[in-house]
């Protein structure tokens, strides 16, 4: 009997029985039972379909009720986010991180009662060492001059700005809200590599024009860089700086193709491509192929833009490739005005899982490597450094600035300010808050004036919080921050300041052959100014490469006193 009517078919048999009984009751008791009969008949049809469909074995074995498995799987992220995850689960941003953005964006109280929810004795806990003589900072509009000395139009950039997000990845209303917020708050808005759209220009906010390998907005009919198209937009008054995107943290070394169906008329207008036609963003640039050629391209853009600051953005990969660019700077005496370091923890609308999880150097190590290489080559004073990668709070900013950055960029932080709820549906076009979609009916949920105010408030309140941290540490400006201002618990019995974990080179060390750190000792000789390839086969140095990221046991002399003071007794 059980073989003919297995228990796993019970739900299917019950809806069939319910349909028969409800039809009988509807005819002889009350017509309202026909509603129940209709529901049971529909479920019966679902059960029949489950039995004959070939794709899902669970449904074939458990008709009707097997669909619950797929329903629960579909709403699992929401169930986890709202009912299961703790305030400190960082997947990818914790509820506490999201809440502080929402609170500051909405001008709500961002204070916390009853003490920290962090385990201050847990590994990797970090803190700022405060001063017994706090400072007072009257002017909290912290700004850094980029391009001073080699640009006709240098730019005073805020210490906190909107990181690269393209129109196409974000909706028109999201771009409009971000740009209006940047205008009202007097900070910069990076366009992303999707070009300058009409929505970037609508409110007149300061723009950093991001130029990727597709040269969107400055390309010819063959997809190559066009001097004329570039100059036309680079000289717009809204465009304050130009950023060449070498790679981004979420998918370094990976290009992308936008299917023709997604190339709308508006996206085509911004990118300078044909609507409805597949749009390719290659993994590599066609305008240069060596470090020297990259710097010559930088100089070319600086001239075409009328003397505006030009730099590049990269996620660090092979160290010798980055060192090759530094050697090219020394050989040509051409330096970018700025470099933006994007950590591998950076986000994107869509990327292969393996790239998101395992490709590229994380921000702390990458930032320190870039800063140290410029210091060691004697070039740091000529080049400003921006940094991006999961920067949300004022402490995130302080730690990043202490490791060598001059300013910070945030993408997902400002997305939260616009209304993102971390649904992680960016790649589906069905963003529930209207931020990452091109669906007009979805993006209308964003009321631009309201969200622009939230963008402005998030920026202002976060910079204000940074100023309070600086005051507590006895400092008066972010440029005074150094790695020894932040301490980290390594284990229950060991504490180190960041300058001991990430030692710093002295000015000119690399020019003198004082490598100090293993990674410079191994990889600096491999670097070439005229090629991104290593000077000799890396596999011949395999044993040495195994220790490439180890720091020397002897820290820089200037860090010794601070380090020793913080070692456990």
Protein backbone atom coordinates (compact mmCIF):
# COMPACT_ATOMS: atom_id res chain seq x y z
CA UNK A 1 0.00 0.00 0.00
CA UNK A 2 2.83 2.38 0.92
CA UNK A 3 4.56 1.65 -2.39
CA UNK A 4 1.44 2.74 -4.27
CA UNK A 5 0.78 5.74 -2.07
CA UNK A 6 4.10 6.81 -0.47
CA UNK A 7 3.93 9.17 2.49
CA UNK A 8 5.89 11.80 0.59
CA UNK A 9 2.85 12.17 -1.72
CA UNK A 10 0.59 12.97 1.24
CA UNK A 11 0.37 16.73 0.54
CA UNK A 12 -0.54 16.00 -3.10
CA UNK A 13 -3.29 13.56 -2.08
CA UNK A 14 -4.63 16.01 0.50
CA UNK A 15 -5.06 18.84 -2.04
CA UNK A 16 -6.83 16.40 -4.41
CA UNK A 17 -9.11 15.30 -1.59
CA UNK A 18 -9.62 18.93 -0.59
CA UNK A 19 -10.66 19.80 -4.14
CA UNK A 20 -13.26 16.99 -4.24
CA UNK A 21 -14.67 17.76 -0.79
CA UNK A 22 -14.78 21.52 -1.44
CA UNK A 23 -16.65 21.04 -4.72
CA UNK A 24 -19.20 18.85 -2.90
CA UNK A 25 -19.64 21.40 -0.09
CA UNK A 26 -19.89 24.24 -2.58
CA UNK A 27 -22.76 22.52 -4.36
CA UNK A 28 -24.71 21.31 -1.33
CA UNK A 29 -23.70 23.59 1.61
CA UNK A 30 -22.44 27.10 0.61
CA UNK A 31 -21.01 28.59 -2.61
CA UNK A 32 -18.10 30.05 -0.62
CA UNK A 33 -16.52 26.59 -0.62
CA UNK A 34 -15.87 26.99 -4.34
CA UNK A 35 -13.04 29.40 -3.43
CA UNK A 36 -11.36 26.65 -1.42
CA UNK A 37 -11.96 24.25 -4.27
CA UNK A 38 -10.29 26.63 -6.72
CA UNK A 39 -7.18 26.86 -4.52
CA UNK A 40 -7.01 23.07 -4.16
CA UNK A 41 -7.46 22.59 -7.91
CA UNK A 42 -4.61 25.00 -8.61
CA UNK A 43 -2.39 23.12 -6.15
CA UNK A 44 -3.42 19.86 -7.77
CA UNK A 45 -2.28 21.24 -11.12
CA UNK A 46 1.01 22.24 -9.51
CA UNK A 47 1.40 18.70 -8.17
CA UNK A 48 0.75 17.14 -11.57
CA UNK A 49 3.31 19.49 -13.14
CA UNK A 50 5.83 18.58 -10.42
CA UNK A 51 5.43 14.88 -11.19
CA UNK A 52 6.03 15.22 -14.95
CA UNK A 53 8.65 17.99 -15.09
CA UNK A 54 12.23 16.70 -15.61
CA UNK A 55 14.40 19.41 -13.98
CA UNK A 56 13.86 19.20 -10.21
CA UNK A 57 14.11 15.81 -8.54
CA UNK A 58 12.85 17.16 -5.21
CA UNK A 59 9.57 18.26 -6.82
CA UNK A 60 9.17 14.89 -8.57
CA UNK A 61 9.57 13.07 -5.27
CA UNK A 62 7.56 15.58 -3.20
CA UNK A 63 4.85 17.08 -5.40
CA UNK A 64 3.28 20.32 -4.10
CA UNK A 65 5.13 20.42 -0.77
CA UNK A 66 8.54 20.23 -2.48
CA UNK A 67 7.98 23.77 -3.71
CA UNK A 68 8.42 25.01 -0.13
CA UNK A 69 12.10 24.19 -0.42
CA UNK A 70 12.52 26.62 -3.31
CA UNK A 71 10.36 29.27 -1.65
CA UNK A 72 12.41 29.16 1.56
CA UNK A 73 15.64 29.21 -0.43
CA UNK A 74 14.38 32.25 -2.34
CA UNK A 75 13.64 34.27 0.82
CA UNK A 76 16.60 32.89 2.83
CA UNK A 77 18.74 36.08 2.48
CA UNK A 78 15.88 38.22 3.82
CA UNK A 79 15.18 35.79 6.67
CA UNK A 80 18.84 35.79 7.61
CA UNK A 81 19.22 39.56 7.38
CA UNK A 82 16.15 40.41 9.44
CA UNK A 83 15.92 37.57 11.95
CA UNK A 84 19.17 35.62 12.24
CA UNK A 85 22.35 37.65 11.65
CA UNK A 86 23.90 39.45 14.60
CA UNK A 87 24.78 43.14 14.67
CA UNK A 88 28.43 42.32 14.00
CA UNK A 89 28.18 39.72 11.20
CA UNK A 90 30.01 41.32 8.27
CA UNK A 91 28.41 39.67 5.25
CA UNK A 92 29.49 41.85 3.53
CA UNK A 93 28.45 44.73 5.82
CA UNK A 94 27.15 44.16 9.32
CA UNK A 95 23.86 45.51 10.59
CA UNK A 96 25.85 47.84 12.85
CA UNK A 97 27.74 49.24 9.83
CA UNK A 98 24.57 49.75 7.82
CA UNK A 99 22.80 51.29 10.79
CA UNK A 100 25.45 53.94 11.34
CA UNK A 101 25.12 55.03 7.71
CA UNK A 102 21.33 55.16 7.90
CA UNK A 103 21.44 57.10 11.17
CA UNK A 104 23.94 59.66 9.94
CA UNK A 105 22.19 60.01 6.59
CA UNK A 106 18.84 60.60 8.28
CA UNK A 107 20.25 62.94 10.94
CA UNK A 108 19.26 60.49 13.67
CA UNK A 109 21.11 59.79 16.90
CA UNK A 110 24.19 57.67 16.17
CA UNK A 111 25.21 57.20 19.80
CA UNK A 112 25.30 53.80 21.51
CA UNK A 113 24.41 53.07 25.16
CA UNK A 114 25.85 50.56 27.62
CA UNK A 115 29.25 50.02 26.00
CA UNK A 116 30.77 48.38 22.94
CA UNK A 117 29.37 45.21 21.37
CA UNK A 118 32.84 44.31 20.08
CA UNK A 119 35.11 41.84 21.85
CA UNK A 120 38.01 44.11 22.80
CA UNK A 121 40.11 41.06 23.70
CA UNK A 122 39.48 39.29 20.42
CA UNK A 123 42.15 38.88 17.75
CA UNK A 124 42.35 41.78 15.25
CA UNK A 125 40.50 44.23 17.51
CA UNK A 126 41.81 47.73 16.71
CA UNK A 127 41.75 51.03 18.55
CA UNK A 128 43.15 54.57 18.45
CA UNK A 129 45.52 55.72 21.17
CA UNK A 130 44.17 58.95 22.61
CA UNK A 131 45.95 61.94 24.12
CA UNK A 132 45.66 63.34 27.61
CA UNK A 133 45.71 66.77 25.93
CA UNK A 134 42.97 66.65 23.27
CA UNK A 135 43.11 69.24 20.50
CA UNK A 136 40.42 71.57 19.17
CA UNK A 137 39.63 71.65 15.44
CA UNK A 138 37.57 74.71 14.45
CA UNK A 139 37.55 73.98 10.70
CA UNK A 140 36.41 70.43 9.96
CA UNK A 141 36.23 70.81 6.18
CA UNK A 142 39.35 68.72 5.63
CA UNK A 143 40.68 69.10 2.09
CA UNK A 144 43.75 67.94 0.17
CA UNK A 145 45.21 69.79 -2.84
CA UNK A 146 45.77 67.47 -5.81
CA UNK A 147 47.93 68.54 -8.74
CA UNK A 148 49.77 71.35 -7.02
CA UNK A 149 53.01 72.21 -8.82
CA UNK A 150 52.33 70.47 -12.14
CA UNK A 151 48.71 71.30 -13.00
CA UNK A 152 47.18 74.54 -14.21
CA UNK A 153 43.94 73.58 -12.48
CA UNK A 154 44.72 71.79 -9.19
CA UNK A 155 41.75 70.57 -7.16
CA UNK A 156 41.09 70.75 -3.43
CA UNK A 157 39.44 67.39 -2.76
CA UNK A 158 37.48 66.49 0.36
CA UNK A 159 38.92 63.83 2.61
CA UNK A 160 35.78 61.71 1.95
CA UNK A 161 34.20 61.21 -1.50
CA UNK A 162 31.89 59.02 -3.58
CA UNK A 163 33.78 56.12 -5.16
CA UNK A 164 33.39 54.95 -8.76
CA UNK A 165 29.89 53.74 -9.67
CA UNK A 166 28.66 53.94 -13.26
CA UNK A 167 25.34 55.03 -14.65
CA UNK A 168 24.00 51.73 -15.89
CA UNK A 169 25.11 49.92 -12.76
CA UNK A 170 23.16 52.54 -10.77
CA UNK A 171 19.84 54.03 -11.76
CA UNK A 172 19.41 57.56 -13.09
CA UNK A 173 17.77 58.70 -9.86
CA UNK A 174 20.56 57.21 -7.76
CA UNK A 175 23.16 59.08 -9.85
CA UNK A 176 21.14 62.30 -9.57
CA UNK A 177 20.83 61.95 -5.79
CA UNK A 178 24.54 61.24 -5.38
CA UNK A 179 25.58 64.17 -7.55
CA UNK A 180 23.20 66.64 -5.93
CA UNK A 181 24.40 65.46 -2.50
CA UNK A 182 28.02 65.95 -3.60
CA UNK A 183 27.17 69.44 -4.86
CA UNK A 184 25.40 70.44 -1.65
CA UNK A 185 28.07 68.86 0.56
CA UNK A 186 31.05 70.15 -1.49
CA UNK A 187 32.77 66.83 -2.17
CA UNK A 188 33.58 64.78 -5.27
CA UNK A 189 31.58 62.19 -7.20
CA UNK A 190 33.48 59.57 -9.24
CA UNK A 191 31.59 58.73 -12.43
CA UNK A 192 32.67 55.12 -12.71
CA UNK A 193 33.90 53.84 -16.08
CA UNK A 194 30.46 54.08 -17.70
CA UNK A 195 31.07 57.66 -18.85
CA UNK A 196 29.61 61.05 -17.95
CA UNK A 197 25.83 60.82 -18.28
CA UNK A 198 23.34 63.66 -18.39
CA UNK A 199 22.49 62.80 -14.78
CA UNK A 200 26.06 63.44 -13.65
CA UNK A 201 25.79 66.96 -15.05
CA UNK A 202 22.27 67.89 -13.96
CA UNK A 203 23.13 69.39 -10.57
CA UNK A 204 26.71 70.53 -11.18
CA UNK A 205 28.46 68.42 -8.55
CA UNK A 206 32.25 68.01 -8.79
CA UNK A 207 33.16 64.99 -10.94
CA UNK A 208 36.14 62.68 -11.11
CA UNK A 209 35.92 61.25 -14.63
CA UNK A 210 36.81 57.57 -14.51
CA UNK A 211 38.17 56.24 -17.83
CA UNK A 212 38.36 52.48 -18.22
CA UNK A 213 39.60 50.26 -21.01
CA UNK A 214 36.39 50.81 -23.00
CA UNK A 215 37.12 54.57 -23.15
CA UNK A 216 33.42 55.30 -22.71
CA UNK A 217 32.66 58.90 -23.58
CA UNK A 218 36.08 59.39 -25.20
CA UNK A 219 36.26 56.69 -27.88
CA UNK A 220 36.18 56.55 -31.65
CA UNK A 221 33.97 54.27 -33.74
CA UNK A 222 36.46 51.41 -33.27
CA UNK A 223 36.51 51.67 -29.48
CA UNK A 224 39.95 53.28 -29.28
CA UNK A 225 40.79 56.41 -27.31
CA UNK A 226 39.89 59.67 -29.08
CA UNK A 227 41.74 62.90 -28.22
CA UNK A 228 38.91 65.04 -29.56
CA UNK A 229 36.11 63.27 -27.70
CA UNK A 230 38.15 63.32 -24.49
CA UNK A 231 39.02 67.02 -24.67
CA UNK A 232 35.39 67.92 -25.30
CA UNK A 233 34.28 66.44 -21.96
CA UNK A 234 37.46 66.81 -19.92
CA UNK A 235 37.26 70.60 -20.22
CA UNK A 236 33.73 70.72 -18.77
CA UNK A 237 33.75 72.82 -15.58
CA UNK A 238 32.17 69.98 -13.56
CA UNK A 239 35.10 67.65 -14.32
CA UNK A 240 37.76 68.34 -11.71
CA UNK A 241 40.06 65.30 -12.09
CA UNK A 242 40.59 62.43 -14.54
CA UNK A 243 41.14 58.88 -13.27
CA UNK A 244 42.45 56.09 -15.52
CA UNK A 245 41.04 52.79 -14.28
CA UNK A 246 43.70 50.08 -14.54
CA UNK A 247 41.76 47.63 -12.38
CA UNK A 248 39.10 47.55 -9.67
CA UNK A 249 39.11 45.64 -6.42
CA UNK A 250 36.08 43.42 -6.99
CA UNK A 251 37.26 41.97 -10.31
CA UNK A 252 40.86 42.96 -11.13
CA UNK A 253 42.09 41.72 -14.48
CA UNK A 254 38.55 41.00 -15.66
CA UNK A 255 36.76 42.80 -18.47
CA UNK A 256 33.06 42.77 -19.13
CA UNK A 257 30.41 42.76 -21.82
CA UNK A 258 27.11 44.60 -21.56
CA UNK A 259 24.54 42.71 -23.67
CA UNK A 260 22.89 44.73 -26.41
CA UNK A 261 19.49 44.39 -24.74
CA UNK A 262 20.80 46.38 -21.77
CA UNK A 263 22.40 49.14 -23.86
CA UNK A 264 19.55 51.63 -23.65
CA UNK A 265 19.54 54.96 -25.48
CA UNK A 266 20.61 56.76 -22.30
CA UNK A 267 23.49 54.37 -21.61
CA UNK A 268 24.56 54.56 -25.26
CA UNK A 269 24.57 58.36 -25.06
CA UNK A 270 26.79 58.37 -21.96
CA UNK A 271 29.21 55.75 -23.29
CA UNK A 272 29.40 56.88 -26.90
CA UNK A 273 28.24 53.54 -28.26
CA UNK A 274 25.30 52.32 -30.35
CA UNK A 275 22.04 51.56 -28.56
CA UNK A 276 21.02 47.91 -28.68
CA UNK A 277 24.49 46.72 -29.65
CA UNK A 278 26.73 44.63 -27.38
CA UNK A 279 29.21 46.87 -25.51
CA UNK A 280 32.66 45.48 -24.69
CA UNK A 281 34.90 46.64 -21.85
CA UNK A 282 38.22 44.80 -22.44
CA UNK A 283 40.44 43.52 -19.66
CA UNK A 284 43.38 45.62 -20.93
CA UNK A 285 43.89 49.12 -22.31
CA UNK A 286 44.73 49.71 -25.96
CA UNK A 287 46.22 53.18 -25.41
CA UNK A 288 49.32 51.84 -23.62
CA UNK A 289 51.05 48.54 -22.93
CA UNK A 290 54.09 49.41 -20.77
CA UNK A 291 54.66 51.47 -17.61
CA UNK A 292 56.38 54.24 -19.60
CA UNK A 293 53.50 54.37 -22.08
CA UNK A 294 51.03 54.60 -19.19
CA UNK A 295 52.80 57.69 -17.85
CA UNK A 296 52.97 59.21 -21.30
CA UNK A 297 49.20 58.66 -21.51
CA UNK A 298 48.81 60.44 -18.15
CA UNK A 299 50.74 63.41 -19.50
CA UNK A 300 48.69 63.37 -22.69
CA UNK A 301 45.41 63.55 -20.73
CA UNK A 302 46.75 66.31 -18.51
CA UNK A 303 47.53 68.41 -21.58
CA UNK A 304 44.23 67.65 -23.34
CA UNK A 305 42.22 68.50 -20.21
CA UNK A 306 43.77 71.93 -19.89
CA UNK A 307 45.97 71.07 -16.94
CA UNK A 308 43.57 69.20 -14.66
CA UNK A 309 44.90 66.55 -12.23
CA UNK A 310 45.26 63.12 -13.84
CA UNK A 311 45.93 59.88 -12.04
CA UNK A 312 45.05 56.21 -12.08
CA UNK A 313 43.19 53.67 -10.00
CA UNK A 314 44.42 50.13 -9.43
CA UNK A 315 43.99 47.04 -7.35
CA UNK A 316 47.53 45.82 -6.65
CA UNK A 317 48.44 42.43 -8.09
CA UNK A 318 51.97 41.37 -9.10
CA UNK A 319 54.22 43.68 -7.07
CA UNK A 320 56.80 44.02 -9.87
CA UNK A 321 54.16 45.54 -12.17
CA UNK A 322 53.46 48.33 -9.69
CA UNK A 323 57.18 48.75 -9.06
CA UNK A 324 57.69 48.98 -12.83
CA UNK A 325 55.38 52.00 -12.90
CA UNK A 326 57.43 53.60 -10.12
CA UNK A 327 60.64 52.94 -12.05
CA UNK A 328 59.02 54.50 -15.12
CA UNK A 329 58.27 57.62 -13.05
CA UNK A 330 61.92 57.85 -12.09
CA UNK A 331 63.08 57.33 -15.69
CA UNK A 332 60.66 59.75 -17.40
CA UNK A 333 60.17 62.23 -14.55
CA UNK A 334 56.44 62.02 -15.36
CA UNK A 335 54.31 61.43 -12.30
CA UNK A 336 50.56 61.11 -11.93
CA UNK A 337 48.91 63.69 -9.71
CA UNK A 338 47.19 60.98 -7.71
CA UNK A 339 46.80 57.22 -7.35
CA UNK A 340 43.66 55.56 -6.01
CA UNK A 341 44.30 52.19 -4.37
CA UNK A 342 41.27 49.89 -4.49
CA UNK A 343 41.34 46.93 -2.12
CA UNK A 344 40.16 43.50 -3.20
CA UNK A 345 37.30 43.82 -0.68
CA UNK A 346 35.73 46.42 -2.97
CA UNK A 347 32.27 45.78 -4.40
CA UNK A 348 30.68 45.70 -7.83
CA UNK A 349 27.33 45.11 -9.45
CA UNK A 350 28.35 41.68 -10.72
CA UNK A 351 31.58 39.66 -10.82
CA UNK A 352 32.60 35.97 -10.86
CA UNK A 353 32.62 34.54 -7.34
CA UNK A 354 36.26 33.50 -7.59
CA UNK A 355 37.29 37.05 -8.47
CA UNK A 356 35.28 38.57 -5.63
CA UNK A 357 36.66 36.10 -3.09
CA UNK A 358 40.23 35.44 -4.17
CA UNK A 359 41.66 37.94 -6.65
CA UNK A 360 43.79 40.98 -5.78
CA UNK A 361 45.53 42.38 -2.70
CA UNK A 362 43.35 43.65 0.19
CA UNK A 363 43.40 47.36 0.91
CA UNK A 364 45.66 47.51 3.98
CA UNK A 365 48.55 45.63 2.38
CA UNK A 366 48.04 47.25 -1.03
CA UNK A 367 47.88 50.79 0.35
CA UNK A 368 50.99 50.29 2.44
CA UNK A 369 52.85 48.84 -0.55
CA UNK A 370 51.94 51.79 -2.79
CA UNK A 371 52.77 54.34 -0.09
CA UNK A 372 56.08 52.68 0.76
CA UNK A 373 57.17 52.41 -2.88
CA UNK A 374 56.57 56.12 -3.45
CA UNK A 375 58.35 57.03 -0.21
CA UNK A 376 61.28 54.75 -1.04
CA UNK A 377 61.55 56.26 -4.51
CA UNK A 378 61.43 59.81 -3.14
CA UNK A 379 58.18 60.57 -5.02
CA UNK A 380 55.58 60.61 -2.25
CA UNK A 381 55.40 64.41 -1.93
CA UNK A 382 54.52 64.74 -5.63
CA UNK A 383 51.68 62.19 -5.64
CA UNK A 384 48.51 62.06 -3.55
CA UNK A 385 46.91 58.74 -2.65
CA UNK A 386 43.21 57.95 -2.42
CA UNK A 387 41.90 54.65 -1.06
CA UNK A 388 38.70 52.64 -1.33
CA UNK A 389 37.47 49.32 -0.02
CA UNK A 390 34.72 48.85 2.63
CA UNK A 391 35.21 52.29 4.14
CA UNK A 392 32.08 53.17 6.09
CA UNK A 393 32.84 54.77 9.46
CA UNK A 394 35.16 57.50 10.66
CA UNK A 395 37.41 54.84 12.20
CA UNK A 396 37.66 53.09 8.82
CA UNK A 397 38.80 56.43 7.43
CA UNK A 398 41.26 57.10 10.23
CA UNK A 399 42.95 53.70 9.90
CA UNK A 400 43.16 54.08 6.10
CA UNK A 401 44.62 57.57 6.35
CA UNK A 402 47.08 56.36 8.99
CA UNK A 403 48.34 53.67 6.60
CA UNK A 404 49.25 56.26 3.98
CA UNK A 405 46.15 57.54 2.17
CA UNK A 406 45.44 61.26 1.71
CA UNK A 407 41.70 60.79 1.22
CA UNK A 408 39.10 58.01 1.22
CA UNK A 409 36.38 56.97 -1.23
CA UNK A 410 33.26 54.98 -0.41
CA UNK A 411 30.84 53.39 -2.86
CA UNK A 412 28.55 51.12 -0.86
CA UNK A 413 28.47 53.57 2.05
CA UNK A 414 26.90 56.21 -0.17
CA UNK A 415 24.65 53.54 -1.71
CA UNK A 416 23.30 52.89 1.79
CA UNK A 417 22.77 56.62 2.20
CA UNK A 418 20.68 56.66 -1.01
CA UNK A 419 18.57 53.77 0.27
CA UNK A 420 20.35 50.48 -0.53
CA UNK A 421 19.28 47.72 1.88
CA UNK A 422 21.99 45.19 0.90
CA UNK A 423 19.51 42.92 -0.86
CA UNK A 424 22.44 41.78 -3.06
CA UNK A 425 20.23 41.81 -6.14
CA UNK A 426 22.35 44.36 -8.04
CA UNK A 427 22.96 42.01 -10.97
CA UNK A 428 19.29 41.11 -11.47
CA UNK A 429 17.88 44.52 -12.37
CA UNK A 430 15.32 44.02 -9.60
CA UNK A 431 16.85 46.15 -6.84
CA UNK A 432 14.05 46.58 -4.26
CA UNK A 433 15.14 50.12 -3.34
CA UNK A 434 15.61 51.39 -6.91
CA UNK A 435 19.35 52.03 -6.53
CA UNK A 436 20.89 49.40 -8.84
CA UNK A 437 18.34 49.04 -11.62
CA UNK A 438 17.32 50.56 -14.94
CA UNK A 439 13.64 49.72 -14.40
CA UNK A 440 11.80 53.09 -14.45
CA UNK A 441 9.05 51.81 -12.17
CA UNK A 442 11.59 50.67 -9.56
CA UNK A 443 13.90 53.67 -9.63
CA UNK A 444 11.01 56.10 -9.12
CA UNK A 445 11.11 54.92 -5.49
CA UNK A 446 14.13 57.21 -5.05
CA UNK A 447 12.96 60.76 -4.33
CA UNK A 448 16.03 62.71 -5.43
CA UNK A 449 15.85 65.77 -3.10
CA UNK A 450 15.32 63.59 -0.03
CA UNK A 451 18.08 61.12 -0.87
CA UNK A 452 20.46 63.92 -1.88
CA UNK A 453 20.07 65.38 1.61
CA UNK A 454 20.89 61.99 3.07
CA UNK A 455 24.05 61.75 0.95
CA UNK A 456 25.12 65.20 2.16
CA UNK A 457 24.36 64.40 5.80
CA UNK A 458 26.21 61.07 5.71
CA UNK A 459 29.31 62.81 4.37
CA UNK A 460 29.16 65.71 6.80
CA UNK A 461 28.45 63.60 9.90
CA UNK A 462 31.15 61.05 9.07
CA UNK A 463 33.78 63.75 8.55
CA UNK A 464 32.59 65.37 11.79
CA UNK A 465 33.12 62.02 13.57
CA UNK A 466 36.62 61.81 12.06
CA UNK A 467 37.38 65.26 13.48
CA UNK A 468 36.28 64.09 16.92
CA UNK A 469 38.62 61.11 16.72
CA UNK A 470 41.48 63.37 15.67
CA UNK A 471 40.79 65.73 18.56
CA UNK A 472 40.82 62.85 21.03
CA UNK A 473 44.18 61.74 19.62
CA UNK A 474 45.57 65.27 20.03
CA UNK A 475 45.80 65.92 16.26
CA UNK A 476 44.46 68.78 14.18
CA UNK A 477 44.37 67.39 10.62
CA UNK A 478 44.15 63.94 8.98
CA UNK A 479 47.56 64.47 7.33
CA UNK A 480 49.14 64.17 10.78
CA UNK A 481 47.99 60.57 11.13
CA UNK A 482 50.64 57.87 11.10
CA UNK A 483 50.47 54.09 11.39
CA UNK A 484 51.56 54.14 15.04
CA UNK A 485 48.36 55.98 16.02
CA UNK A 486 46.37 52.74 15.58
CA UNK A 487 46.95 49.59 17.64
CA UNK A 488 45.80 46.03 16.94
CA UNK A 489 45.49 43.00 19.18
CA UNK A 490 47.38 40.18 17.51
CA UNK A 491 46.49 37.59 20.16
CA UNK A 492 45.50 37.48 23.81
CA UNK A 493 49.13 38.13 24.75
CA UNK A 494 50.34 40.43 21.98
CA UNK A 495 49.49 43.97 20.86
CA UNK A 496 51.19 45.90 18.07
CA UNK A 497 50.77 49.31 16.53
CA UNK A 498 50.18 49.24 12.77
CA UNK A 499 53.63 50.69 12.09
CA UNK A 500 55.11 47.47 13.53
CA UNK A 501 52.82 45.30 11.39
CA UNK A 502 53.28 47.42 8.27
CA UNK A 503 56.75 49.02 8.61
CA UNK A 504 57.52 52.13 6.61
CA UNK A 505 60.44 52.81 4.31
CA UNK A 506 62.50 55.95 4.69
CA UNK A 507 62.56 58.54 1.93
CA UNK A 508 64.88 57.44 -0.88
CA UNK A 509 65.49 53.93 0.51
CA UNK A 510 64.87 52.21 -2.82
CA UNK A 511 67.24 54.57 -4.59
CA UNK A 512 69.94 53.60 -2.12
CA UNK A 513 69.21 49.87 -2.20
CA UNK A 514 67.92 49.88 1.40
CA UNK A 515 65.00 47.54 0.81
CA UNK A 516 64.12 46.94 4.50
CA UNK A 517 61.20 44.64 3.55
CA UNK A 518 61.42 41.28 1.81
CA UNK A 519 58.89 42.20 -0.86
CA UNK A 520 61.07 45.08 -2.06
CA UNK A 521 64.24 43.03 -1.85
CA UNK A 522 62.70 40.33 -4.06
CA UNK A 523 60.40 42.21 -6.42
CA UNK A 524 62.02 45.63 -6.95
CA UNK A 525 64.87 44.11 -9.05
CA UNK A 526 62.23 42.27 -11.14
CA UNK A 527 60.47 45.48 -12.14
CA UNK A 528 61.01 47.10 -15.56
CA UNK A 529 60.03 50.57 -16.73
CA UNK A 530 59.47 49.39 -20.31
CA UNK A 531 57.53 46.22 -19.63
CA UNK A 532 55.01 44.87 -17.13
CA UNK A 533 56.75 41.50 -17.38
CA UNK A 534 59.32 40.58 -14.68
CA UNK A 535 62.97 40.99 -15.61
CA UNK A 536 63.55 37.27 -15.14
CA UNK A 537 61.42 34.18 -14.66
CA UNK A 538 59.58 34.32 -11.36
CA UNK A 539 59.60 30.54 -10.97
CA UNK A 540 63.38 30.73 -10.58
CA UNK A 541 62.75 32.72 -7.42
CA UNK A 542 59.99 30.49 -6.03
CA UNK A 543 61.63 29.90 -2.66
CA UNK A 544 62.23 33.60 -2.16
CA UNK A 545 58.70 34.50 -3.28
CA UNK A 546 57.33 32.34 -0.48
CA UNK A 547 58.59 34.94 1.98
CA UNK A 548 57.80 37.94 -0.18
CA UNK A 549 55.11 39.39 2.04
CA UNK A 550 57.03 38.95 5.27
CA UNK A 551 58.28 42.10 6.94
CA UNK A 552 61.77 42.45 8.26
CA UNK A 553 62.18 41.55 11.91
CA UNK A 554 63.80 44.90 12.61
CA UNK A 555 61.23 47.72 12.43
CA UNK A 556 62.07 51.20 11.29
CA UNK A 557 63.95 53.05 14.02
CA UNK A 558 61.34 55.77 14.38
CA UNK A 559 58.71 53.15 15.29
CA UNK A 560 60.76 51.32 17.93
CA UNK A 561 59.82 53.43 20.97
CA UNK A 562 56.10 53.32 20.22
CA UNK A 563 56.14 49.61 19.46
CA UNK A 564 58.01 48.74 22.62
CA UNK A 565 55.65 50.76 24.78
CA UNK A 566 52.70 48.69 23.56
CA UNK A 567 54.24 45.25 23.92
CA UNK A 568 52.76 43.21 26.79
CA UNK A 569 54.81 42.99 29.96
